[in-house]
């Protein structure tokens, strides 16, 4: 006698058990699966079902989204607010599990984008950098340069110089307010002096004193 646990459950039958035991079912399935015809049929059916279900699901989702766009967005926001910690934890776990593959995928995508349209990629990178660090758009940057007459605000040079050959955005490190666009040398000089007006004035006095000494030596 076989135990009840060796049979599959079936609600339609009065005793609630399948007529064949688990071993017999498995053996029968193995016999069927060995045939090539079954394999072909299964692959064809699977593909057809997947295409059909996928197409219907996508079309239904699109229709529903068009009709109830605002409602869907509000629901998503509510769900995120309720389960924010869970979502973040799941995202972190997923990232650390598949970290290497994700990094490879992103790198390959970036390389492909750069190869296809390098100018666009560089422009987007510039915009992202300006918005993230200084809170300004590329249009505002160009407008500021136009106001300055396309030159440095201190030395009035028309070429920015430096390795990047770009105008440097001079800003107050405490408040974050943008003061103007400078060339590489002027921006570096201000940074080395630590934006200290007293030290800069002293430096000016020092240079003027040195000039006077030279004049005296020449006249003597």
N, C-alpha and C. Protein backbone atom coordinates (compact mmCIF):
# COMPACT_ATOMS: atom_id res chain seq x y z
N UNK A 1 0.84 -1.22 0.00
CA UNK A 1 0.00 0.00 0.00
C UNK A 1 0.87 1.26 0.00
N UNK A 2 0.50 2.15 -0.89
CA UNK A 2 1.23 3.41 -0.93
C UNK A 2 0.58 4.45 -0.02
N UNK A 3 1.40 5.39 0.46
CA UNK A 3 0.89 6.44 1.34
C UNK A 3 0.15 7.51 0.54
N UNK A 4 -0.64 8.32 1.26
CA UNK A 4 -1.39 9.41 0.61
C UNK A 4 -0.45 10.48 0.03
N UNK A 5 0.69 10.64 0.67
CA UNK A 5 1.65 11.66 0.23
C UNK A 5 2.30 11.32 -1.12
N UNK A 6 2.22 10.03 -1.54
CA UNK A 6 2.82 9.62 -2.81
C UNK A 6 1.90 9.89 -4.01
N UNK A 7 0.70 10.50 -3.76
CA UNK A 7 -0.25 10.86 -4.81
C UNK A 7 -0.43 12.38 -4.86
N UNK A 8 -0.71 12.87 -6.09
CA UNK A 8 -1.01 14.30 -6.25
C UNK A 8 -2.45 14.58 -5.82
N UNK A 9 -2.72 15.77 -5.38
CA UNK A 9 -4.08 16.14 -4.97
C UNK A 9 -4.93 16.53 -6.17
N UNK A 10 -6.25 16.18 -6.06
CA UNK A 10 -7.20 16.52 -7.14
C UNK A 10 -8.57 16.74 -6.50
N UNK A 11 -9.06 17.97 -6.54
CA UNK A 11 -10.30 18.33 -5.86
C UNK A 11 -11.54 17.75 -6.54
N UNK A 12 -11.46 17.56 -7.86
CA UNK A 12 -12.64 17.09 -8.62
C UNK A 12 -13.05 15.66 -8.24
N UNK A 13 -12.10 14.84 -7.78
CA UNK A 13 -12.36 13.44 -7.42
C UNK A 13 -12.86 13.38 -5.97
N UNK A 14 -13.79 12.43 -5.64
CA UNK A 14 -14.33 12.37 -4.26
C UNK A 14 -13.28 12.13 -3.17
N UNK A 15 -12.30 11.24 -3.42
CA UNK A 15 -11.28 11.00 -2.38
C UNK A 15 -10.21 12.09 -2.35
N UNK A 16 -10.20 12.98 -3.35
CA UNK A 16 -9.28 14.13 -3.38
C UNK A 16 -7.87 13.79 -3.79
N UNK A 17 -7.70 12.61 -4.46
CA UNK A 17 -6.35 12.19 -4.91
C UNK A 17 -6.39 11.80 -6.38
N UNK A 18 -5.23 11.98 -7.02
CA UNK A 18 -5.09 11.60 -8.42
C UNK A 18 -5.03 10.08 -8.53
N UNK A 19 -5.50 9.52 -9.67
CA UNK A 19 -5.56 8.05 -9.83
C UNK A 19 -4.18 7.42 -9.93
N UNK A 20 -3.23 8.13 -10.56
CA UNK A 20 -1.86 7.63 -10.67
C UNK A 20 -1.01 8.20 -9.54
N UNK A 21 0.01 7.44 -9.14
CA UNK A 21 0.94 7.94 -8.13
C UNK A 21 1.97 8.89 -8.78
N UNK A 22 2.75 9.57 -7.99
CA UNK A 22 3.72 10.56 -8.49
C UNK A 22 4.78 9.91 -9.39
N UNK A 23 5.23 8.72 -9.02
CA UNK A 23 6.26 8.01 -9.80
C UNK A 23 5.75 7.63 -11.19
N UNK A 24 4.51 7.13 -11.23
CA UNK A 24 3.91 6.71 -12.51
C UNK A 24 3.68 7.92 -13.42
N UNK A 25 3.22 9.02 -12.83
CA UNK A 25 3.00 10.26 -13.60
C UNK A 25 4.31 10.76 -14.20
N UNK A 26 5.35 10.73 -13.39
CA UNK A 26 6.66 11.20 -13.83
C UNK A 26 7.20 10.33 -14.97
N UNK A 27 7.03 9.00 -14.84
CA UNK A 27 7.51 8.06 -15.87
C UNK A 27 6.75 8.26 -17.18
N UNK A 28 5.43 8.47 -17.08
CA UNK A 28 4.59 8.68 -18.27
C UNK A 28 4.99 9.98 -18.99
N UNK A 29 5.23 11.03 -18.21
CA UNK A 29 5.63 12.32 -18.78
C UNK A 29 6.99 12.21 -19.49
N UNK A 30 7.89 11.47 -18.88
CA UNK A 30 9.22 11.28 -19.47
C UNK A 30 9.13 10.57 -20.83
N UNK A 31 8.24 9.57 -20.93
CA UNK A 31 8.06 8.84 -22.19
C UNK A 31 7.57 9.79 -23.29
N UNK A 32 6.58 10.63 -22.92
CA UNK A 32 6.01 11.57 -23.91
C UNK A 32 7.06 12.60 -24.33
N UNK A 33 7.78 13.12 -23.33
CA UNK A 33 8.75 14.20 -23.60
C UNK A 33 9.95 13.74 -24.43
N UNK A 34 10.19 12.44 -24.46
CA UNK A 34 11.31 11.92 -25.25
C UNK A 34 11.05 12.06 -26.76
N UNK A 35 9.80 12.05 -27.17
CA UNK A 35 9.47 12.10 -28.60
C UNK A 35 9.78 13.49 -29.17
N UNK A 36 10.33 13.51 -30.40
CA UNK A 36 10.70 14.77 -31.06
C UNK A 36 9.46 15.60 -31.44
N UNK A 37 8.41 14.91 -31.81
CA UNK A 37 7.17 15.59 -32.23
C UNK A 37 6.61 16.43 -31.08
N UNK A 38 6.64 15.85 -29.89
CA UNK A 38 6.13 16.57 -28.71
C UNK A 38 6.96 17.82 -28.45
N UNK A 39 8.29 17.67 -28.58
CA UNK A 39 9.18 18.81 -28.34
C UNK A 39 8.91 19.96 -29.31
N UNK A 40 8.77 19.61 -30.58
CA UNK A 40 8.48 20.62 -31.61
C UNK A 40 7.16 21.32 -31.32
N UNK A 41 6.15 20.51 -31.05
CA UNK A 41 4.81 21.03 -30.78
C UNK A 41 4.83 21.97 -29.58
N UNK A 42 5.54 21.55 -28.53
CA UNK A 42 5.62 22.34 -27.30
C UNK A 42 6.28 23.69 -27.55
N UNK A 43 7.39 23.69 -28.31
CA UNK A 43 8.09 24.94 -28.61
C UNK A 43 7.22 25.89 -29.43
N UNK A 44 6.51 25.33 -30.43
CA UNK A 44 5.63 26.13 -31.29
C UNK A 44 4.47 26.71 -30.48
N UNK A 45 3.87 25.88 -29.64
CA UNK A 45 2.75 26.32 -28.81
C UNK A 45 3.17 27.41 -27.82
N UNK A 46 4.33 27.18 -27.22
CA UNK A 46 4.84 28.15 -26.26
C UNK A 46 5.06 29.52 -26.90
N UNK A 47 5.70 29.51 -28.08
CA UNK A 47 5.97 30.76 -28.79
C UNK A 47 4.68 31.48 -29.18
N UNK A 48 3.73 30.70 -29.68
CA UNK A 48 2.44 31.27 -30.10
C UNK A 48 1.69 31.88 -28.92
N UNK A 49 1.68 31.13 -27.80
CA UNK A 49 1.00 31.62 -26.59
C UNK A 49 1.66 32.88 -26.05
N UNK A 50 2.98 32.87 -26.04
CA UNK A 50 3.73 34.03 -25.52
C UNK A 50 3.44 35.28 -26.35
N UNK A 51 3.45 35.10 -27.69
CA UNK A 51 3.18 36.24 -28.59
C UNK A 51 1.77 36.78 -28.37
N UNK A 52 0.82 35.86 -28.28
CA UNK A 52 -0.58 36.24 -28.13
C UNK A 52 -0.82 36.97 -26.80
N UNK A 53 -0.33 36.36 -25.72
CA UNK A 53 -0.53 36.95 -24.39
C UNK A 53 0.19 38.29 -24.26
N UNK A 54 1.40 38.33 -24.79
CA UNK A 54 2.21 39.56 -24.71
C UNK A 54 1.54 40.70 -25.47
N UNK A 55 1.05 40.38 -26.66
CA UNK A 55 0.40 41.40 -27.49
C UNK A 55 -0.87 41.92 -26.82
N UNK A 56 -1.69 40.99 -26.30
CA UNK A 56 -2.95 41.40 -25.66
C UNK A 56 -2.68 42.22 -24.41
N UNK A 57 -1.71 41.77 -23.60
CA UNK A 57 -1.38 42.48 -22.36
C UNK A 57 -0.88 43.90 -22.66
N UNK A 58 -0.01 44.03 -23.63
CA UNK A 58 0.54 45.34 -23.98
C UNK A 58 -0.53 46.29 -24.48
N UNK A 59 -1.37 45.78 -25.38
CA UNK A 59 -2.43 46.63 -25.96
C UNK A 59 -3.41 47.08 -24.88
N UNK A 60 -3.78 46.15 -23.98
CA UNK A 60 -4.70 46.48 -22.88
C UNK A 60 -4.08 47.50 -21.92
N UNK A 61 -2.81 47.30 -21.60
CA UNK A 61 -2.11 48.23 -20.71
C UNK A 61 -2.05 49.63 -21.30
N UNK A 62 -1.75 49.71 -22.61
CA UNK A 62 -1.68 51.01 -23.29
C UNK A 62 -3.03 51.72 -23.28
N UNK A 63 -4.08 50.97 -23.57
CA UNK A 63 -5.43 51.55 -23.57
C UNK A 63 -5.80 52.07 -22.20
N UNK A 64 -5.56 51.25 -21.19
CA UNK A 64 -5.90 51.63 -19.82
C UNK A 64 -5.09 52.86 -19.38
N UNK A 65 -3.81 52.87 -19.76
CA UNK A 65 -2.94 54.00 -19.38
C UNK A 65 -3.41 55.30 -20.05
N UNK A 66 -3.83 55.22 -21.32
CA UNK A 66 -4.33 56.42 -22.01
C UNK A 66 -5.60 56.95 -21.36
N UNK A 67 -6.47 56.06 -20.97
CA UNK A 67 -7.75 56.47 -20.38
C UNK A 67 -7.58 57.00 -18.95
N UNK A 68 -6.75 56.32 -18.13
CA UNK A 68 -6.60 56.67 -16.71
C UNK A 68 -5.15 57.04 -16.39
N UNK A 69 -4.60 57.96 -17.15
CA UNK A 69 -3.18 58.32 -16.98
C UNK A 69 -2.90 58.96 -15.61
N UNK A 70 -3.68 59.96 -15.27
CA UNK A 70 -3.47 60.68 -14.00
C UNK A 70 -3.71 59.78 -12.78
N UNK A 71 -4.74 58.95 -12.86
CA UNK A 71 -5.05 58.02 -11.76
C UNK A 71 -3.90 57.03 -11.53
N UNK A 72 -3.36 56.51 -12.63
CA UNK A 72 -2.25 55.53 -12.54
C UNK A 72 -1.02 56.17 -11.89
N UNK A 73 -0.73 57.41 -12.29
CA UNK A 73 0.42 58.10 -11.72
C UNK A 73 0.25 58.34 -10.23
N UNK A 74 -0.95 58.77 -9.85
CA UNK A 74 -1.24 59.00 -8.42
C UNK A 74 -1.11 57.72 -7.61
N UNK A 75 -1.63 56.61 -8.17
CA UNK A 75 -1.55 55.30 -7.49
C UNK A 75 -0.10 54.87 -7.31
N UNK A 76 0.70 55.07 -8.35
CA UNK A 76 2.13 54.71 -8.27
C UNK A 76 2.84 55.51 -7.19
N UNK A 77 2.52 56.81 -7.12
CA UNK A 77 3.12 57.67 -6.10
C UNK A 77 2.73 57.23 -4.70
N UNK A 78 1.44 56.91 -4.53
CA UNK A 78 0.96 56.44 -3.22
C UNK A 78 1.65 55.15 -2.80
N UNK A 79 1.74 54.22 -3.73
CA UNK A 79 2.41 52.93 -3.43
C UNK A 79 3.86 53.15 -3.04
N UNK A 80 4.53 54.02 -3.78
CA UNK A 80 5.94 54.30 -3.49
C UNK A 80 6.10 54.94 -2.11
N UNK A 81 5.20 55.87 -1.77
CA UNK A 81 5.26 56.52 -0.45
C UNK A 81 5.03 55.52 0.68
N UNK A 82 4.07 54.62 0.47
CA UNK A 82 3.76 53.60 1.51
C UNK A 82 4.93 52.64 1.72
N UNK A 83 5.44 52.12 0.62
CA UNK A 83 6.47 51.07 0.69
C UNK A 83 7.83 51.55 0.18
N UNK A 84 8.18 52.78 0.50
CA UNK A 84 9.42 53.38 0.00
C UNK A 84 10.65 52.58 0.43
N UNK A 85 10.71 52.24 1.70
CA UNK A 85 11.87 51.51 2.24
C UNK A 85 12.01 50.14 1.57
N UNK A 86 10.89 49.46 1.38
CA UNK A 86 10.91 48.14 0.73
C UNK A 86 11.43 48.24 -0.70
N UNK A 87 10.94 49.23 -1.45
CA UNK A 87 11.37 49.44 -2.83
C UNK A 87 12.87 49.70 -2.90
N UNK A 88 13.34 50.57 -2.02
CA UNK A 88 14.77 50.92 -2.01
C UNK A 88 15.64 49.72 -1.65
N UNK A 89 15.18 48.94 -0.67
CA UNK A 89 15.92 47.74 -0.26
C UNK A 89 15.99 46.73 -1.39
N UNK A 90 14.86 46.55 -2.08
CA UNK A 90 14.81 45.61 -3.21
C UNK A 90 15.74 46.06 -4.34
N UNK A 91 15.73 47.37 -4.62
CA UNK A 91 16.61 47.92 -5.66
C UNK A 91 18.08 47.72 -5.31
N UNK A 92 18.42 47.96 -4.04
CA UNK A 92 19.81 47.78 -3.60
C UNK A 92 20.25 46.32 -3.69
N UNK A 93 19.36 45.42 -3.23
CA UNK A 93 19.67 43.99 -3.29
C UNK A 93 19.89 43.54 -4.73
N UNK A 94 19.00 43.99 -5.62
CA UNK A 94 19.10 43.64 -7.04
C UNK A 94 20.40 44.17 -7.64
N UNK A 95 20.77 45.39 -7.23
CA UNK A 95 22.01 45.99 -7.75
C UNK A 95 23.23 45.21 -7.29
N UNK A 96 23.29 44.88 -5.99
CA UNK A 96 24.47 44.18 -5.46
C UNK A 96 24.55 42.73 -5.94
N UNK A 97 23.40 42.11 -6.25
CA UNK A 97 23.42 40.76 -6.81
C UNK A 97 23.98 40.75 -8.23
N UNK A 98 23.50 41.70 -9.04
CA UNK A 98 23.87 41.74 -10.46
C UNK A 98 24.74 42.96 -10.79
N UNK A 99 25.63 43.32 -9.87
CA UNK A 99 26.42 44.55 -10.00
C UNK A 99 27.31 44.52 -11.25
N UNK A 100 28.05 43.44 -11.43
CA UNK A 100 28.99 43.34 -12.55
C UNK A 100 28.28 43.38 -13.90
N UNK A 101 27.20 42.61 -13.99
CA UNK A 101 26.45 42.56 -15.26
C UNK A 101 25.81 43.91 -15.58
N UNK A 102 25.29 44.59 -14.53
CA UNK A 102 24.66 45.90 -14.73
C UNK A 102 25.68 46.95 -15.19
N UNK A 103 26.86 46.92 -14.56
CA UNK A 103 27.93 47.87 -14.94
C UNK A 103 28.37 47.62 -16.39
N UNK A 104 28.52 46.35 -16.76
CA UNK A 104 28.90 45.99 -18.13
C UNK A 104 27.85 46.48 -19.14
N UNK A 105 26.58 46.26 -18.78
CA UNK A 105 25.48 46.66 -19.66
C UNK A 105 25.46 48.18 -19.87
N UNK A 106 25.63 48.92 -18.77
CA UNK A 106 25.63 50.39 -18.85
C UNK A 106 26.82 50.89 -19.67
N UNK A 107 27.99 50.28 -19.45
CA UNK A 107 29.18 50.68 -20.20
C UNK A 107 29.02 50.42 -21.69
N UNK A 108 28.50 49.26 -22.03
CA UNK A 108 28.30 48.91 -23.45
C UNK A 108 27.29 49.86 -24.09
N UNK A 109 26.21 50.20 -23.33
CA UNK A 109 25.20 51.13 -23.84
C UNK A 109 25.80 52.52 -24.06
N UNK A 110 26.63 52.97 -23.11
CA UNK A 110 27.29 54.28 -23.22
C UNK A 110 28.22 54.34 -24.43
N UNK A 111 28.99 53.26 -24.62
CA UNK A 111 29.91 53.19 -25.77
C UNK A 111 29.16 53.24 -27.10
N UNK A 112 28.04 52.50 -27.15
CA UNK A 112 27.23 52.47 -28.37
C UNK A 112 26.63 53.84 -28.66
N UNK A 113 26.15 54.52 -27.60
CA UNK A 113 25.58 55.86 -27.75
C UNK A 113 26.64 56.85 -28.23
N UNK A 114 27.84 56.74 -27.65
CA UNK A 114 28.92 57.66 -28.01
C UNK A 114 29.37 57.46 -29.46
N UNK A 115 29.41 56.20 -29.89
CA UNK A 115 29.80 55.90 -31.27
C UNK A 115 28.78 56.42 -32.28
N UNK A 116 27.51 56.26 -31.93
CA UNK A 116 26.43 56.66 -32.85
C UNK A 116 26.31 58.18 -32.96
N UNK A 117 26.40 58.89 -31.81
CA UNK A 117 26.24 60.35 -31.83
C UNK A 117 27.09 60.99 -30.72
N UNK A 118 28.40 61.19 -30.96
CA UNK A 118 29.28 61.70 -29.89
C UNK A 118 28.97 63.13 -29.46
N UNK A 119 28.55 63.98 -30.40
CA UNK A 119 28.25 65.38 -30.08
C UNK A 119 27.08 65.48 -29.10
N UNK A 120 26.06 64.70 -29.36
CA UNK A 120 24.87 64.70 -28.51
C UNK A 120 25.21 64.23 -27.10
N UNK A 121 26.02 63.18 -27.00
CA UNK A 121 26.42 62.62 -25.70
C UNK A 121 27.21 63.65 -24.89
N UNK A 122 28.15 64.33 -25.55
CA UNK A 122 28.96 65.35 -24.87
C UNK A 122 28.11 66.52 -24.40
N UNK A 123 27.13 66.90 -25.24
CA UNK A 123 26.22 68.00 -24.87
C UNK A 123 25.37 67.63 -23.66
N UNK A 124 24.85 66.41 -23.66
CA UNK A 124 24.03 65.93 -22.53
C UNK A 124 24.84 65.84 -21.24
N UNK A 125 26.10 65.38 -21.37
CA UNK A 125 26.98 65.31 -20.20
C UNK A 125 27.23 66.69 -19.62
N UNK A 126 27.46 67.67 -20.52
CA UNK A 126 27.70 69.05 -20.10
C UNK A 126 26.47 69.62 -19.37
N UNK A 127 25.30 69.38 -19.94
CA UNK A 127 24.05 69.86 -19.34
C UNK A 127 23.84 69.25 -17.95
N UNK A 128 24.08 67.95 -17.84
CA UNK A 128 23.92 67.24 -16.57
C UNK A 128 24.87 67.80 -15.51
N UNK A 129 26.12 68.07 -15.93
CA UNK A 129 27.13 68.61 -15.01
C UNK A 129 26.75 70.01 -14.52
N UNK A 130 26.31 70.87 -15.46
CA UNK A 130 25.92 72.24 -15.11
C UNK A 130 24.72 72.26 -14.17
N UNK A 131 23.74 71.42 -14.46
CA UNK A 131 22.51 71.38 -13.65
C UNK A 131 22.79 70.81 -12.26
N UNK A 132 23.62 69.78 -12.20
CA UNK A 132 23.91 69.13 -10.92
C UNK A 132 24.78 69.97 -10.00
N UNK A 133 25.80 70.61 -10.56
CA UNK A 133 26.78 71.34 -9.73
C UNK A 133 26.40 72.80 -9.49
N UNK A 134 25.89 73.47 -10.54
CA UNK A 134 25.63 74.91 -10.43
C UNK A 134 24.16 75.28 -10.51
N UNK A 135 23.31 74.35 -10.88
CA UNK A 135 21.86 74.62 -10.96
C UNK A 135 21.49 75.53 -12.12
N UNK A 136 22.23 75.44 -13.23
CA UNK A 136 21.95 76.27 -14.40
C UNK A 136 21.93 75.41 -15.66
N UNK A 137 21.19 75.87 -16.65
CA UNK A 137 21.08 75.14 -17.91
C UNK A 137 22.15 75.62 -18.89
N UNK A 138 22.26 74.92 -20.01
CA UNK A 138 23.25 75.28 -21.03
C UNK A 138 22.89 76.62 -21.69
N UNK A 139 21.59 76.88 -21.79
CA UNK A 139 21.12 78.15 -22.35
C UNK A 139 21.50 79.35 -21.47
N UNK A 140 21.35 79.16 -20.16
CA UNK A 140 21.73 80.22 -19.20
C UNK A 140 23.24 80.47 -19.24
N UNK A 141 24.01 79.41 -19.39
CA UNK A 141 25.48 79.51 -19.48
C UNK A 141 25.89 80.33 -20.71
N UNK A 142 25.24 80.04 -21.84
CA UNK A 142 25.54 80.76 -23.10
C UNK A 142 25.13 82.23 -23.00
N UNK A 143 23.98 82.47 -22.34
CA UNK A 143 23.48 83.84 -22.18
C UNK A 143 24.44 84.67 -21.30
N UNK A 144 24.98 84.04 -20.26
CA UNK A 144 25.93 84.71 -19.37
C UNK A 144 27.23 85.06 -20.10
N UNK A 145 27.69 84.16 -20.95
CA UNK A 145 28.90 84.41 -21.76
C UNK A 145 28.67 85.54 -22.77
N UNK A 146 27.45 85.59 -23.31
CA UNK A 146 27.08 86.65 -24.25
C UNK A 146 27.07 88.02 -23.56
N UNK A 147 26.54 88.07 -22.34
CA UNK A 147 26.49 89.31 -21.56
C UNK A 147 27.90 89.84 -21.27
N UNK A 148 28.83 88.90 -21.05
CA UNK A 148 30.23 89.28 -20.78
C UNK A 148 31.00 89.64 -22.06
N UNK A 149 30.37 89.50 -23.19
CA UNK A 149 31.00 89.81 -24.47
C UNK A 149 31.94 88.73 -24.94
N UNK A 150 31.71 87.47 -24.49
CA UNK A 150 32.54 86.33 -24.91
C UNK A 150 33.97 86.41 -24.40
N UNK A 151 34.16 87.00 -23.23
CA UNK A 151 35.51 87.15 -22.66
C UNK A 151 35.49 86.96 -21.14
N UNK A 152 36.70 86.82 -20.56
CA UNK A 152 36.85 86.64 -19.11
C UNK A 152 36.43 87.93 -18.39
N UNK A 153 35.79 87.77 -17.24
CA UNK A 153 35.28 88.93 -16.50
C UNK A 153 36.39 89.72 -15.81
N UNK A 154 37.55 89.12 -15.59
CA UNK A 154 38.65 89.80 -14.91
C UNK A 154 39.69 90.31 -15.92
N UNK A 155 40.32 89.40 -16.64
CA UNK A 155 41.41 89.79 -17.55
C UNK A 155 40.94 90.16 -18.96
N UNK A 156 39.65 89.88 -19.28
CA UNK A 156 39.03 90.22 -20.57
C UNK A 156 39.70 89.53 -21.76
N UNK A 157 40.19 88.31 -21.53
CA UNK A 157 40.74 87.51 -22.63
C UNK A 157 39.61 86.79 -23.36
N UNK A 158 39.78 86.62 -24.66
CA UNK A 158 38.73 85.96 -25.46
C UNK A 158 38.88 84.44 -25.52
N UNK A 159 40.04 83.94 -25.08
CA UNK A 159 40.27 82.49 -25.06
C UNK A 159 40.29 81.98 -23.61
N UNK A 160 39.55 80.88 -23.33
CA UNK A 160 39.48 80.40 -21.94
C UNK A 160 40.76 79.74 -21.44
N UNK A 161 41.51 79.12 -22.34
CA UNK A 161 42.75 78.44 -21.96
C UNK A 161 42.48 77.20 -21.12
N UNK A 162 43.55 76.63 -20.58
CA UNK A 162 43.42 75.42 -19.75
C UNK A 162 43.34 74.16 -20.58
N UNK A 163 43.27 73.02 -19.88
CA UNK A 163 43.25 71.71 -20.55
C UNK A 163 41.91 71.48 -21.26
N UNK A 164 40.80 71.84 -20.59
CA UNK A 164 39.46 71.59 -21.16
C UNK A 164 39.08 72.62 -22.22
N UNK A 165 39.73 73.80 -22.23
CA UNK A 165 39.43 74.90 -23.15
C UNK A 165 37.98 75.33 -23.05
N UNK A 166 37.52 75.48 -21.79
CA UNK A 166 36.16 75.95 -21.50
C UNK A 166 36.20 77.05 -20.47
N UNK A 167 35.17 77.89 -20.49
CA UNK A 167 35.08 78.95 -19.49
C UNK A 167 34.68 78.36 -18.14
N UNK A 168 35.40 78.75 -17.11
CA UNK A 168 35.14 78.23 -15.76
C UNK A 168 34.07 79.08 -15.06
N UNK A 169 33.13 78.39 -14.42
CA UNK A 169 32.05 79.08 -13.71
C UNK A 169 32.53 79.42 -12.30
N UNK A 170 32.73 80.70 -12.06
CA UNK A 170 33.17 81.16 -10.74
C UNK A 170 31.94 81.37 -9.86
N UNK A 171 31.94 80.74 -8.69
CA UNK A 171 30.79 80.86 -7.77
C UNK A 171 31.26 80.96 -6.33
N UNK A 172 30.39 81.51 -5.49
CA UNK A 172 30.67 81.64 -4.06
C UNK A 172 30.48 80.26 -3.41
N UNK A 173 31.52 79.76 -2.76
CA UNK A 173 31.47 78.40 -2.19
C UNK A 173 30.56 78.30 -0.96
N UNK A 174 30.26 79.44 -0.34
CA UNK A 174 29.38 79.43 0.84
C UNK A 174 27.90 79.48 0.44
N UNK A 175 27.57 80.43 -0.41
CA UNK A 175 26.16 80.61 -0.82
C UNK A 175 25.80 79.84 -2.09
N UNK A 176 26.80 79.59 -2.96
CA UNK A 176 26.57 78.90 -4.22
C UNK A 176 26.14 79.82 -5.35
N UNK A 177 26.15 81.14 -5.10
CA UNK A 177 25.75 82.12 -6.12
C UNK A 177 26.83 82.25 -7.19
N UNK A 178 26.41 82.30 -8.46
CA UNK A 178 27.35 82.39 -9.59
C UNK A 178 27.75 83.86 -9.79
N UNK A 179 29.06 84.08 -9.83
CA UNK A 179 29.59 85.44 -9.97
C UNK A 179 29.91 85.79 -11.42
N UNK A 180 30.33 84.82 -12.19
CA UNK A 180 30.65 85.07 -13.60
C UNK A 180 31.48 83.96 -14.21
N UNK A 181 31.86 84.15 -15.46
CA UNK A 181 32.69 83.16 -16.18
C UNK A 181 34.12 83.70 -16.31
N UNK A 182 35.08 82.85 -15.94
CA UNK A 182 36.48 83.25 -15.95
C UNK A 182 37.31 82.29 -16.79
N UNK A 183 38.51 82.78 -17.18
CA UNK A 183 39.45 81.89 -17.87
C UNK A 183 40.12 80.98 -16.83
N UNK A 184 40.87 80.01 -17.29
CA UNK A 184 41.48 79.00 -16.40
C UNK A 184 42.44 79.65 -15.40
N UNK A 185 43.24 80.59 -15.85
CA UNK A 185 44.26 81.23 -14.99
C UNK A 185 43.62 82.06 -13.88
N UNK A 186 42.63 82.90 -14.24
CA UNK A 186 41.97 83.77 -13.25
C UNK A 186 41.21 82.94 -12.21
N UNK A 187 40.56 81.89 -12.68
CA UNK A 187 39.80 81.01 -11.77
C UNK A 187 40.73 80.30 -10.80
N UNK A 188 41.88 79.84 -11.30
CA UNK A 188 42.86 79.17 -10.45
C UNK A 188 43.47 80.13 -9.44
N UNK A 189 43.72 81.36 -9.89
CA UNK A 189 44.31 82.38 -9.01
C UNK A 189 43.39 82.70 -7.84
N UNK A 190 42.11 82.89 -8.14
CA UNK A 190 41.14 83.17 -7.07
C UNK A 190 41.05 82.01 -6.09
N UNK A 191 41.09 80.81 -6.62
CA UNK A 191 41.02 79.62 -5.77
C UNK A 191 42.24 79.50 -4.86
N UNK A 192 43.42 79.79 -5.40
CA UNK A 192 44.65 79.71 -4.61
C UNK A 192 44.71 80.80 -3.53
N UNK A 193 44.11 81.96 -3.83
CA UNK A 193 44.04 83.02 -2.82
C UNK A 193 42.88 82.82 -1.84
N UNK A 194 42.09 81.82 -2.08
CA UNK A 194 40.99 81.48 -1.18
C UNK A 194 39.88 82.50 -1.17
N UNK A 195 39.67 83.22 -2.27
CA UNK A 195 38.64 84.29 -2.40
C UNK A 195 38.74 85.33 -1.28
N UNK A 196 39.94 85.53 -0.76
CA UNK A 196 40.15 86.49 0.35
C UNK A 196 40.55 87.85 -0.21
N UNK A 197 39.70 88.86 -0.01
CA UNK A 197 39.93 90.21 -0.56
C UNK A 197 41.16 90.85 0.08
N UNK A 198 41.35 90.65 1.38
CA UNK A 198 42.48 91.24 2.12
C UNK A 198 43.82 90.76 1.56
N UNK A 199 43.92 89.46 1.29
CA UNK A 199 45.17 88.88 0.74
C UNK A 199 45.40 89.39 -0.69
N UNK A 200 44.33 89.49 -1.47
CA UNK A 200 44.44 89.99 -2.85
C UNK A 200 44.93 91.45 -2.87
N UNK A 201 44.37 92.25 -1.95
CA UNK A 201 44.81 93.66 -1.85
C UNK A 201 46.29 93.75 -1.48
N UNK A 202 46.70 92.88 -0.56
CA UNK A 202 48.10 92.83 -0.15
C UNK A 202 49.01 92.46 -1.33
N UNK A 203 48.55 91.51 -2.13
CA UNK A 203 49.30 91.07 -3.31
C UNK A 203 49.46 92.23 -4.30
N UNK A 204 48.37 93.03 -4.47
CA UNK A 204 48.41 94.20 -5.37
C UNK A 204 49.42 95.23 -4.85
N UNK A 205 49.36 95.49 -3.54
CA UNK A 205 50.31 96.45 -2.92
C UNK A 205 51.76 95.99 -3.09
N UNK A 206 51.96 94.68 -2.95
CA UNK A 206 53.29 94.08 -3.09
C UNK A 206 53.84 94.29 -4.50
N UNK A 207 52.99 94.06 -5.49
CA UNK A 207 53.40 94.23 -6.89
C UNK A 207 53.68 95.70 -7.22
N UNK A 208 52.83 96.60 -6.67
CA UNK A 208 53.03 98.04 -6.90
C UNK A 208 54.34 98.53 -6.28
N UNK A 209 54.63 98.02 -5.07
CA UNK A 209 55.87 98.39 -4.38
C UNK A 209 57.09 97.92 -5.17
N UNK A 210 57.00 96.71 -5.73
CA UNK A 210 58.08 96.17 -6.55
C UNK A 210 58.30 97.01 -7.81
N UNK A 211 57.22 97.52 -8.40
CA UNK A 211 57.30 98.37 -9.58
C UNK A 211 58.01 99.69 -9.25
N UNK A 212 57.64 100.28 -8.10
CA UNK A 212 58.24 101.55 -7.67
C UNK A 212 59.75 101.40 -7.47
N UNK A 213 60.12 100.28 -6.85
CA UNK A 213 61.54 100.01 -6.62
C UNK A 213 62.32 99.96 -7.94
N UNK A 214 61.74 99.28 -8.93
CA UNK A 214 62.38 99.17 -10.24
C UNK A 214 62.58 100.55 -10.89
N UNK A 215 61.52 101.40 -10.77
CA UNK A 215 61.60 102.75 -11.35
C UNK A 215 62.72 103.58 -10.69
N UNK A 216 62.83 103.45 -9.37
CA UNK A 216 63.87 104.19 -8.61
C UNK A 216 65.27 103.74 -9.03
N UNK A 217 65.40 102.42 -9.20
CA UNK A 217 66.71 101.86 -9.59
C UNK A 217 67.13 102.37 -10.98
N UNK A 218 66.13 102.44 -11.88
CA UNK A 218 66.41 102.90 -13.24
C UNK A 218 66.80 104.39 -13.27
N UNK A 219 66.02 105.17 -12.49
CA UNK A 219 66.29 106.63 -12.42
C UNK A 219 67.64 106.94 -11.78
N UNK A 220 68.03 106.10 -10.80
CA UNK A 220 69.33 106.29 -10.11
C UNK A 220 70.45 105.81 -11.04
